[in-house]
Amino acid sequence: MTSLLAGCATNPNVLQIHKVTAETIGLASTDELTMGPVTKGKEDFLVGAELTFKATTAKGRVFNCSTFMTPGILLEPPTYSRLTCTK
């Protein structure tokens, strides 16, 4: 008897987004960055979705950021692409 495990990880991994955002903005550490709530947009036909959030540095610079999340398959974590942050 064979059973299949099917499913996708569709929730954002906020810790991974936090790390990549700090690197993108040019910060040395995630300790220098706080993030507002991550808002998930409408999912496309492959269940990918645009995520938006505010990122604030320790020096008070505020960025409006977005990234596209593609869900992981089975036990794989989601992947993120097209991260942009603008003042």
PDB file of N, CA and C in Angstrom:
ATOM      1  N   MET A   1       0.839  -1.169   0.000  1.00  0.00           N
ATOM      2  CA  MET A   1       0.000   0.000   0.000  1.00  0.00           C
ATOM      3  C   MET A   1       0.889   1.238   0.000  1.00  0.00           C
ATOM      4  N   THR A   2       0.645   2.116  -0.929  1.00  0.00           N
ATOM      5  CA  THR A   2       1.440   3.322  -1.055  1.00  0.00           C
ATOM      6  C   THR A   2       0.596   4.527  -0.687  1.00  0.00           C
ATOM      7  N   SER A   3       1.191   5.415   0.064  1.00  0.00           N
ATOM      8  CA  SER A   3       0.480   6.660   0.375  1.00  0.00           C
ATOM      9  C   SER A   3       1.317   7.829  -0.115  1.00  0.00           C
ATOM     10  N   LEU A   4       0.651   8.858  -0.539  1.00  0.00           N
ATOM     11  CA  LEU A   4       1.317  10.052  -1.039  1.00  0.00           C
ATOM     12  C   LEU A   4       1.132  11.190  -0.060  1.00  0.00           C
ATOM     13  N   LEU A   5       2.181  11.951   0.117  1.00  0.00           N
ATOM     14  CA  LEU A   5       2.113  13.146   0.939  1.00  0.00           C
ATOM     15  C   LEU A   5       2.119  14.328  -0.012  1.00  0.00           C
ATOM     16  N   ALA A   6       1.022  15.023  -0.071  1.00  0.00           N
ATOM     17  CA  ALA A   6       0.925  16.159  -0.987  1.00  0.00           C
ATOM     18  C   ALA A   6       0.547  17.393  -0.199  1.00  0.00           C
ATOM     19  N   GLY A   7       1.076  18.511  -0.619  1.00  0.00           N
ATOM     20  CA  GLY A   7       0.750  19.764   0.031  1.00  0.00           C
ATOM     21  C   GLY A   7       1.818  20.789  -0.263  1.00  0.00           C
ATOM     22  N   CYS A   8       1.516  22.006   0.082  1.00  0.00           N
ATOM     23  CA  CYS A   8       2.429  23.102  -0.157  1.00  0.00           C
ATOM     24  C   CYS A   8       2.530  23.955   1.099  1.00  0.00           C
ATOM     25  N   ALA A   9       3.721  24.487   1.338  1.00  0.00           N
ATOM     26  CA  ALA A   9       3.898  25.448   2.425  1.00  0.00           C
ATOM     27  C   ALA A   9       3.510  26.817   1.879  1.00  0.00           C
ATOM     28  N   THR A  10       2.373  27.339   2.303  1.00  0.00           N
ATOM     29  CA  THR A  10       1.874  28.591   1.721  1.00  0.00           C
ATOM     30  C   THR A  10       1.944  29.768   2.679  1.00  0.00           C
ATOM     31  N   ASN A  11       2.456  29.578   3.888  1.00  0.00           N
ATOM     32  CA  ASN A  11       2.584  30.686   4.828  1.00  0.00           C
ATOM     33  C   ASN A  11       3.967  31.309   4.702  1.00  0.00           C
ATOM     34  N   PRO A  12       4.043  32.648   4.790  1.00  0.00           N
ATOM     35  CA  PRO A  12       5.344  33.315   4.680  1.00  0.00           C
ATOM     36  C   PRO A  12       6.275  32.939   5.834  1.00  0.00           C
ATOM     37  N   ASN A  13       7.550  32.779   5.535  1.00  0.00           N
ATOM     38  CA  ASN A  13       8.580  32.560   6.542  1.00  0.00           C
ATOM     39  C   ASN A  13       9.159  33.933   6.880  1.00  0.00           C
ATOM     40  N   VAL A  14       8.619  34.551   7.916  1.00  0.00           N
ATOM     41  CA  VAL A  14       8.968  35.932   8.245  1.00  0.00           C
ATOM     42  C   VAL A  14      10.442  36.058   8.626  1.00  0.00           C
ATOM     43  N   LEU A  15      11.018  35.074   9.283  1.00  0.00           N
ATOM     44  CA  LEU A  15      12.437  35.146   9.651  1.00  0.00           C
ATOM     45  C   LEU A  15      13.331  35.182   8.415  1.00  0.00           C
ATOM     46  N   GLN A  16      12.995  34.393   7.408  1.00  0.00           N
ATOM     47  CA  GLN A  16      13.777  34.400   6.169  1.00  0.00           C
ATOM     48  C   GLN A  16      13.617  35.740   5.449  1.00  0.00           C
ATOM     49  N   ILE A  17      12.398  36.260   5.392  1.00  0.00           N
ATOM     50  CA  ILE A  17      12.156  37.557   4.750  1.00  0.00           C
ATOM     51  C   ILE A  17      12.924  38.652   5.486  1.00  0.00           C
ATOM     52  N   HIS A  18      12.929  38.608   6.811  1.00  0.00           N
ATOM     53  CA  HIS A  18      13.637  39.590   7.640  1.00  0.00           C
ATOM     54  C   HIS A  18      15.130  39.599   7.308  1.00  0.00           C
ATOM     55  N   LYS A  19      15.734  38.416   7.209  1.00  0.00           N
ATOM     56  CA  LYS A  19      17.161  38.294   6.913  1.00  0.00           C
ATOM     57  C   LYS A  19      17.491  38.841   5.526  1.00  0.00           C
ATOM     58  N   VAL A  20      16.729  38.441   4.526  1.00  0.00           N
ATOM     59  CA  VAL A  20      16.990  38.873   3.151  1.00  0.00           C
ATOM     60  C   VAL A  20      16.757  40.380   3.002  1.00  0.00           C
ATOM     61  N   THR A  21      15.756  40.906   3.688  1.00  0.00           N
ATOM     62  CA  THR A  21      15.483  42.344   3.626  1.00  0.00           C
ATOM     63  C   THR A  21      16.647  43.135   4.214  1.00  0.00           C
ATOM     64  N   ALA A  22      17.168  42.703   5.356  1.00  0.00           N
ATOM     65  CA  ALA A  22      18.316  43.385   5.969  1.00  0.00           C
ATOM     66  C   ALA A  22      19.509  43.392   5.016  1.00  0.00           C
ATOM     67  N   GLU A  23      19.763  42.274   4.361  1.00  0.00           N
ATOM     68  CA  GLU A  23      20.867  42.190   3.395  1.00  0.00           C
ATOM     69  C   GLU A  23      20.624  43.114   2.204  1.00  0.00           C
ATOM     70  N   THR A  24      19.393  43.156   1.704  1.00  0.00           N
ATOM     71  CA  THR A  24      19.055  43.981   0.545  1.00  0.00           C
ATOM     72  C   THR A  24      19.236  45.466   0.843  1.00  0.00           C
ATOM     73  N   ILE A  25      18.833  45.880   2.032  1.00  0.00           N
ATOM     74  CA  ILE A  25      18.948  47.293   2.415  1.00  0.00           C
ATOM     75  C   ILE A  25      20.403  47.656   2.707  1.00  0.00           C
ATOM     76  N   GLY A  26      21.242  46.653   2.980  1.00  0.00           N
ATOM     77  CA  GLY A  26      22.658  46.900   3.231  1.00  0.00           C
ATOM     78  C   GLY A  26      23.014  46.955   4.703  1.00  0.00           C
ATOM     79  N   LEU A  27      22.209  46.326   5.536  1.00  0.00           N
ATOM     80  CA  LEU A  27      22.482  46.314   6.968  1.00  0.00           C
ATOM     81  C   LEU A  27      23.371  45.122   7.319  1.00  0.00           C
ATOM     82  N   ALA A  28      24.170  45.295   8.366  1.00  0.00           N
ATOM     83  CA  ALA A  28      25.085  44.236   8.788  1.00  0.00           C
ATOM     84  C   ALA A  28      24.376  43.128   9.557  1.00  0.00           C
ATOM     85  N   SER A  29      23.237  43.463  10.160  1.00  0.00           N
ATOM     86  CA  SER A  29      22.565  42.490  11.016  1.00  0.00           C
ATOM     87  C   SER A  29      21.060  42.709  10.984  1.00  0.00           C
ATOM     88  N   THR A  30      20.314  41.649  11.232  1.00  0.00           N
ATOM     89  CA  THR A  30      18.859  41.786  11.335  1.00  0.00           C
ATOM     90  C   THR A  30      18.468  42.540  12.600  1.00  0.00           C
ATOM     91  N   ASP A  31      19.398  42.666  13.550  1.00  0.00           N
ATOM     92  CA  ASP A  31      19.118  43.436  14.768  1.00  0.00           C
ATOM     93  C   ASP A  31      18.875  44.909  14.458  1.00  0.00           C
ATOM     94  N   GLU A  32      19.340  45.376  13.306  1.00  0.00           N
ATOM     95  CA  GLU A  32      19.185  46.776  12.915  1.00  0.00           C
ATOM     96  C   GLU A  32      17.884  47.034  12.162  1.00  0.00           C
ATOM     97  N   LEU A  33      17.000  46.043  12.078  1.00  0.00           N
ATOM     98  CA  LEU A  33      15.798  46.156  11.256  1.00  0.00           C
ATOM     99  C   LEU A  33      14.573  45.638  11.999  1.00  0.00           C
ATOM    100  N   THR A  34      13.496  46.409  11.940  1.00  0.00           N
ATOM    101  CA  THR A  34      12.202  45.914  12.410  1.00  0.00           C
ATOM    102  C   THR A  34      11.258  45.918  11.220  1.00  0.00           C
ATOM    103  N   MET A  35      10.351  44.951  11.213  1.00  0.00           N
ATOM    104  CA  MET A  35       9.401  44.829  10.113  1.00  0.00           C
ATOM    105  C   MET A  35       7.989  44.957  10.630  1.00  0.00           C
ATOM    106  N   GLY A  36       7.162  45.635   9.831  1.00  0.00           N
ATOM    107  CA  GLY A  36       5.738  45.710  10.134  1.00  0.00           C
ATOM    108  C   GLY A  36       5.071  44.421   9.711  1.00  0.00           C
ATOM    109  N   PRO A  37       3.768  44.339   9.873  1.00  0.00           N
ATOM    110  CA  PRO A  37       3.060  43.118   9.477  1.00  0.00           C
ATOM    111  C   PRO A  37       3.243  42.817   7.987  1.00  0.00           C
ATOM    112  N   VAL A  38       3.389  41.544   7.672  1.00  0.00           N
ATOM    113  CA  VAL A  38       3.504  41.095   6.284  1.00  0.00           C
ATOM    114  C   VAL A  38       2.092  40.826   5.771  1.00  0.00           C
ATOM    115  N   THR A  39       1.736  41.509   4.674  1.00  0.00           N
ATOM    116  CA  THR A  39       0.413  41.346   4.076  1.00  0.00           C
ATOM    117  C   THR A  39       0.538  40.496   2.820  1.00  0.00           C
ATOM    118  N   LYS A  40      -0.255  39.455   2.752  1.00  0.00           N
ATOM    119  CA  LYS A  40      -0.228  38.542   1.604  1.00  0.00           C
ATOM    120  C   LYS A  40      -1.323  38.937   0.627  1.00  0.00           C
ATOM    121  N   GLY A  41      -0.938  39.193  -0.625  1.00  0.00           N
ATOM    122  CA  GLY A  41      -1.901  39.548  -1.662  1.00  0.00           C
ATOM    123  C   GLY A  41      -2.627  38.326  -2.195  1.00  0.00           C
ATOM    124  N   LYS A  42      -3.430  38.558  -3.209  1.00  0.00           N
ATOM    125  CA  LYS A  42      -4.206  37.475  -3.823  1.00  0.00           C
ATOM    126  C   LYS A  42      -3.269  36.473  -4.489  1.00  0.00           C
ATOM    127  N   GLU A  43      -3.561  35.192  -4.314  1.00  0.00           N
ATOM    128  CA  GLU A  43      -2.737  34.135  -4.893  1.00  0.00           C
ATOM    129  C   GLU A  43      -3.008  33.995  -6.387  1.00  0.00           C
ATOM    130  N   ASP A  44      -1.935  33.669  -7.142  1.00  0.00           N
ATOM    131  CA  ASP A  44      -2.107  33.419  -8.569  1.00  0.00           C
ATOM    132  C   ASP A  44      -2.472  31.945  -8.788  1.00  0.00           C
ATOM    133  N   PHE A  45      -2.516  31.519 -10.036  1.00  0.00           N
ATOM    134  CA  PHE A  45      -2.957  30.154 -10.340  1.00  0.00           C
ATOM    135  C   PHE A  45      -1.994  29.086  -9.824  1.00  0.00           C
ATOM    136  N   LEU A  46      -0.758  29.448  -9.507  1.00  0.00           N
ATOM    137  CA  LEU A  46       0.204  28.495  -8.943  1.00  0.00           C
ATOM    138  C   LEU A  46       0.334  28.652  -7.430  1.00  0.00           C
ATOM    139  N   VAL A  47      -0.557  29.409  -6.831  1.00  0.00           N
ATOM    140  CA  VAL A  47      -0.631  29.676  -5.398  1.00  0.00           C
ATOM    141  C   VAL A  47       0.483  30.608  -4.918  1.00  0.00           C
ATOM    142  N   GLY A  48       1.227  31.216  -5.842  1.00  0.00           N
ATOM    143  CA  GLY A  48       2.201  32.233  -5.465  1.00  0.00           C
ATOM    144  C   GLY A  48       1.474  33.520  -5.123  1.00  0.00           C
ATOM    145  N   ALA A  49       2.101  34.364  -4.305  1.00  0.00           N
ATOM    146  CA  ALA A  49       1.443  35.603  -3.895  1.00  0.00           C
ATOM    147  C   ALA A  49       2.469  36.698  -3.631  1.00  0.00           C
ATOM    148  N   GLU A  50       2.049  37.937  -3.858  1.00  0.00           N
ATOM    149  CA  GLU A  50       2.864  39.104  -3.550  1.00  0.00           C
ATOM    150  C   GLU A  50       2.727  39.396  -2.058  1.00  0.00           C
ATOM    151  N   LEU A  51       3.864  39.611  -1.388  1.00  0.00           N
ATOM    152  CA  LEU A  51       3.870  39.977   0.023  1.00  0.00           C
ATOM    153  C   LEU A  51       4.356  41.412   0.139  1.00  0.00           C
ATOM    154  N   THR A  52       3.704  42.213   0.952  1.00  0.00           N
ATOM    155  CA  THR A  52       4.129  43.590   1.174  1.00  0.00           C
ATOM    156  C   THR A  52       4.301  43.827   2.668  1.00  0.00           C
ATOM    157  N   PHE A  53       5.245  44.725   3.003  1.00  0.00           N
ATOM    158  CA  PHE A  53       5.511  45.041   4.405  1.00  0.00           C
ATOM    159  C   PHE A  53       6.356  46.301   4.500  1.00  0.00           C
ATOM    160  N   LYS A  54       6.379  46.921   5.674  1.00  0.00           N
ATOM    161  CA  LYS A  54       7.239  48.069   5.941  1.00  0.00           C
ATOM    162  C   LYS A  54       8.434  47.586   6.738  1.00  0.00           C
ATOM    163  N   ALA A  55       9.603  48.103   6.402  1.00  0.00           N
ATOM    164  CA  ALA A  55      10.829  47.783   7.124  1.00  0.00           C
ATOM    165  C   ALA A  55      11.423  49.091   7.633  1.00  0.00           C
ATOM    166  N   THR A  56      11.782  49.132   8.906  1.00  0.00           N
ATOM    167  CA  THR A  56      12.341  50.332   9.520  1.00  0.00           C
ATOM    168  C   THR A  56      13.709  49.999  10.104  1.00  0.00           C
ATOM    169  N   THR A  57      14.719  50.811   9.753  1.00  0.00           N
ATOM    170  CA  THR A  57      16.059  50.582  10.281  1.00  0.00           C
ATOM    171  C   THR A  57      16.177  51.196  11.669  1.00  0.00           C
ATOM    172  N   ALA A  58      17.239  50.817  12.371  1.00  0.00           N
ATOM    173  CA  ALA A  58      17.498  51.351  13.711  1.00  0.00           C
ATOM    174  C   ALA A  58      17.706  52.864  13.672  1.00  0.00           C
ATOM    175  N   LYS A  59      18.127  53.394  12.527  1.00  0.00           N
ATOM    176  CA  LYS A  59      18.328  54.844  12.384  1.00  0.00           C
ATOM    177  C   LYS A  59      17.066  55.564  11.935  1.00  0.00           C
ATOM    178  N   GLY A  60      15.953  54.844  11.813  1.00  0.00           N
ATOM    179  CA  GLY A  60      14.676  55.469  11.500  1.00  0.00           C
ATOM    180  C   GLY A  60      14.306  55.546  10.030  1.00  0.00           C
ATOM    181  N   ARG A  61      15.123  54.988   9.146  1.00  0.00           N
ATOM    182  CA  ARG A  61      14.756  54.982   7.727  1.00  0.00           C
ATOM    183  C   ARG A  61      13.640  53.966   7.513  1.00  0.00           C
ATOM    184  N   VAL A  62      12.596  54.383   6.784  1.00  0.00           N
ATOM    185  CA  VAL A  62      11.435  53.519   6.550  1.00  0.00           C
ATOM    186  C   VAL A  62      11.386  53.144   5.070  1.00  0.00           C
ATOM    187  N   PHE A  63      11.211  51.866   4.795  1.00  0.00           N
ATOM    188  CA  PHE A  63      11.136  51.346   3.436  1.00  0.00           C
ATOM    189  C   PHE A  63       9.813  50.614   3.246  1.00  0.00           C
ATOM    190  N   ASN A  64       9.216  50.781   2.073  1.00  0.00           N
ATOM    191  CA  ASN A  64       8.061  49.975   1.663  1.00  0.00           C
ATOM    192  C   ASN A  64       8.620  48.844   0.818  1.00  0.00           C
ATOM    193  N   CYS A  65       8.406  47.620   1.261  1.00  0.00           N
ATOM    194  CA  CYS A  65       9.020  46.464   0.606  1.00  0.00           C
ATOM    195  C   CYS A  65       7.967  45.502   0.065  1.00  0.00           C
ATOM    196  N   SER A  66       8.375  44.749  -0.947  1.00  0.00           N
ATOM    197  CA  SER A  66       7.515  43.686  -1.472  1.00  0.00           C
ATOM    198  C   SER A  66       8.397  42.577  -2.027  1.00  0.00           C
ATOM    199  N   THR A  67       7.849  41.385  -2.034  1.00  0.00           N
ATOM    200  CA  THR A  67       8.524  40.222  -2.597  1.00  0.00           C
ATOM    201  C   THR A  67       7.457  39.255  -3.093  1.00  0.00           C
ATOM    202  N   PHE A  68       7.833  38.396  -4.018  1.00  0.00           N
ATOM    203  CA  PHE A  68       6.902  37.398  -4.522  1.00  0.00           C
ATOM    204  C   PHE A  68       7.241  36.063  -3.879  1.00  0.00           C
ATOM    205  N   MET A  69       6.263  35.441  -3.240  1.00  0.00           N
ATOM    206  CA  MET A  69       6.459  34.160  -2.567  1.00  0.00           C
ATOM    207  C   MET A  69       5.878  33.034  -3.416  1.00  0.00           C
ATOM    208  N   THR A  70       6.720  32.029  -3.691  1.00  0.00           N
ATOM    209  CA  THR A  70       6.278  30.813  -4.361  1.00  0.00           C
ATOM    210  C   THR A  70       6.274  29.711  -3.311  1.00  0.00           C
ATOM    211  N   PRO A  71       5.156  29.026  -3.118  1.00  0.00           N
ATOM    212  CA  PRO A  71       5.093  28.016  -2.061  1.00  0.00           C
ATOM    213  C   PRO A  71       6.039  26.852  -2.317  1.00  0.00           C
ATOM    214  N   GLY A  72       6.518  26.269  -1.220  1.00  0.00           N
ATOM    215  CA  GLY A  72       7.347  25.079  -1.318  1.00  0.00           C
ATOM    216  C   GLY A  72       6.477  23.863  -1.583  1.00  0.00           C
ATOM    217  N   ILE A  73       7.064  22.857  -2.178  1.00  0.00           N
ATOM    218  CA  ILE A  73       6.331  21.618  -2.454  1.00  0.00           C
ATOM    219  C   ILE A  73       6.714  20.592  -1.391  1.00  0.00           C
ATOM    220  N   LEU A  74       5.721  19.924  -0.875  1.00  0.00           N
ATOM    221  CA  LEU A  74       5.878  18.934   0.187  1.00  0.00           C
ATOM    222  C   LEU A  74       6.525  19.586   1.403  1.00  0.00           C
ATOM    223  N   LEU A  75       7.717  19.192   1.765  1.00  0.00           N
ATOM    224  CA  LEU A  75       8.344  19.710   2.978  1.00  0.00           C
ATOM    225  C   LEU A  75       9.306  20.859   2.714  1.00  0.00           C
ATOM    226  N   GLU A  76       9.396  21.310   1.479  1.00  0.00           N
ATOM    227  CA  GLU A  76      10.287  22.414   1.136  1.00  0.00           C
ATOM    228  C   GLU A  76       9.698  23.741   1.614  1.00  0.00           C
ATOM    229  N   PRO A  77      10.551  24.669   2.073  1.00  0.00           N
ATOM    230  CA  PRO A  77      10.044  25.987   2.470  1.00  0.00           C
ATOM    231  C   PRO A  77       9.702  26.820   1.236  1.00  0.00           C
ATOM    232  N   PRO A  78       8.895  27.863   1.398  1.00  0.00           N
ATOM    233  CA  PRO A  78       8.604  28.734   0.262  1.00  0.00           C
ATOM    234  C   PRO A  78       9.865  29.464  -0.197  1.00  0.00           C
ATOM    235  N   THR A  79       9.865  29.901  -1.456  1.00  0.00           N
ATOM    236  CA  THR A  79      10.975  30.694  -1.979  1.00  0.00           C
ATOM    237  C   THR A  79      10.477  32.097  -2.274  1.00  0.00           C
ATOM    238  N   TYR A  80      11.412  33.042  -2.281  1.00  0.00           N
ATOM    239  CA  TYR A  80      11.069  34.449  -2.473  1.00  0.00           C
ATOM    240  C   TYR A  80      11.887  35.010  -3.625  1.00  0.00           C
ATOM    241  N   SER A  81      11.263  35.849  -4.428  1.00  0.00           N
ATOM    242  CA  SER A  81      11.950  36.477  -5.549  1.00  0.00           C
ATOM    243  C   SER A  81      11.447  37.907  -5.689  1.00  0.00           C
ATOM    244  N   ARG A  82      12.173  38.685  -6.456  1.00  0.00           N
ATOM    245  CA  ARG A  82      11.795  40.072  -6.768  1.00  0.00           C
ATOM    246  C   ARG A  82      11.619  40.924  -5.510  1.00  0.00           C
ATOM    247  N   LEU A  83      12.511  40.792  -4.544  1.00  0.00           N
ATOM    248  CA  LEU A  83      12.429  41.641  -3.354  1.00  0.00           C
ATOM    249  C   LEU A  83      12.829  43.058  -3.727  1.00  0.00           C
ATOM    250  N   THR A  84      11.956  44.008  -3.452  1.00  0.00           N
ATOM    251  CA  THR A  84      12.260  45.418  -3.674  1.00  0.00           C
ATOM    252  C   THR A  84      11.886  46.204  -2.431  1.00  0.00           C
ATOM    253  N   CYS A  85      12.707  47.192  -2.113  1.00  0.00           N
ATOM    254  CA  CYS A  85      12.432  48.091  -0.992  1.00  0.00           C
ATOM    255  C   CYS A  85      12.683  49.515  -1.465  1.00  0.00           C
ATOM    256  N   THR A  86      11.696  50.378  -1.315  1.00  0.00           N
ATOM    257  CA  THR A  86      11.819  51.773  -1.717  1.00  0.00           C
ATOM    258  C   THR A  86      11.487  52.667  -0.536  1.00  0.00           C
ATOM    259  N   LYS A  87      12.109  53.839  -0.528  1.00  0.00           N
ATOM    260  CA  LYS A  87      11.843  54.807   0.545  1.00  0.00           C
ATOM    261  C   LYS A  87      10.543  55.509   0.304  1.00  0.00           C
TER     262      LYS A  87
END
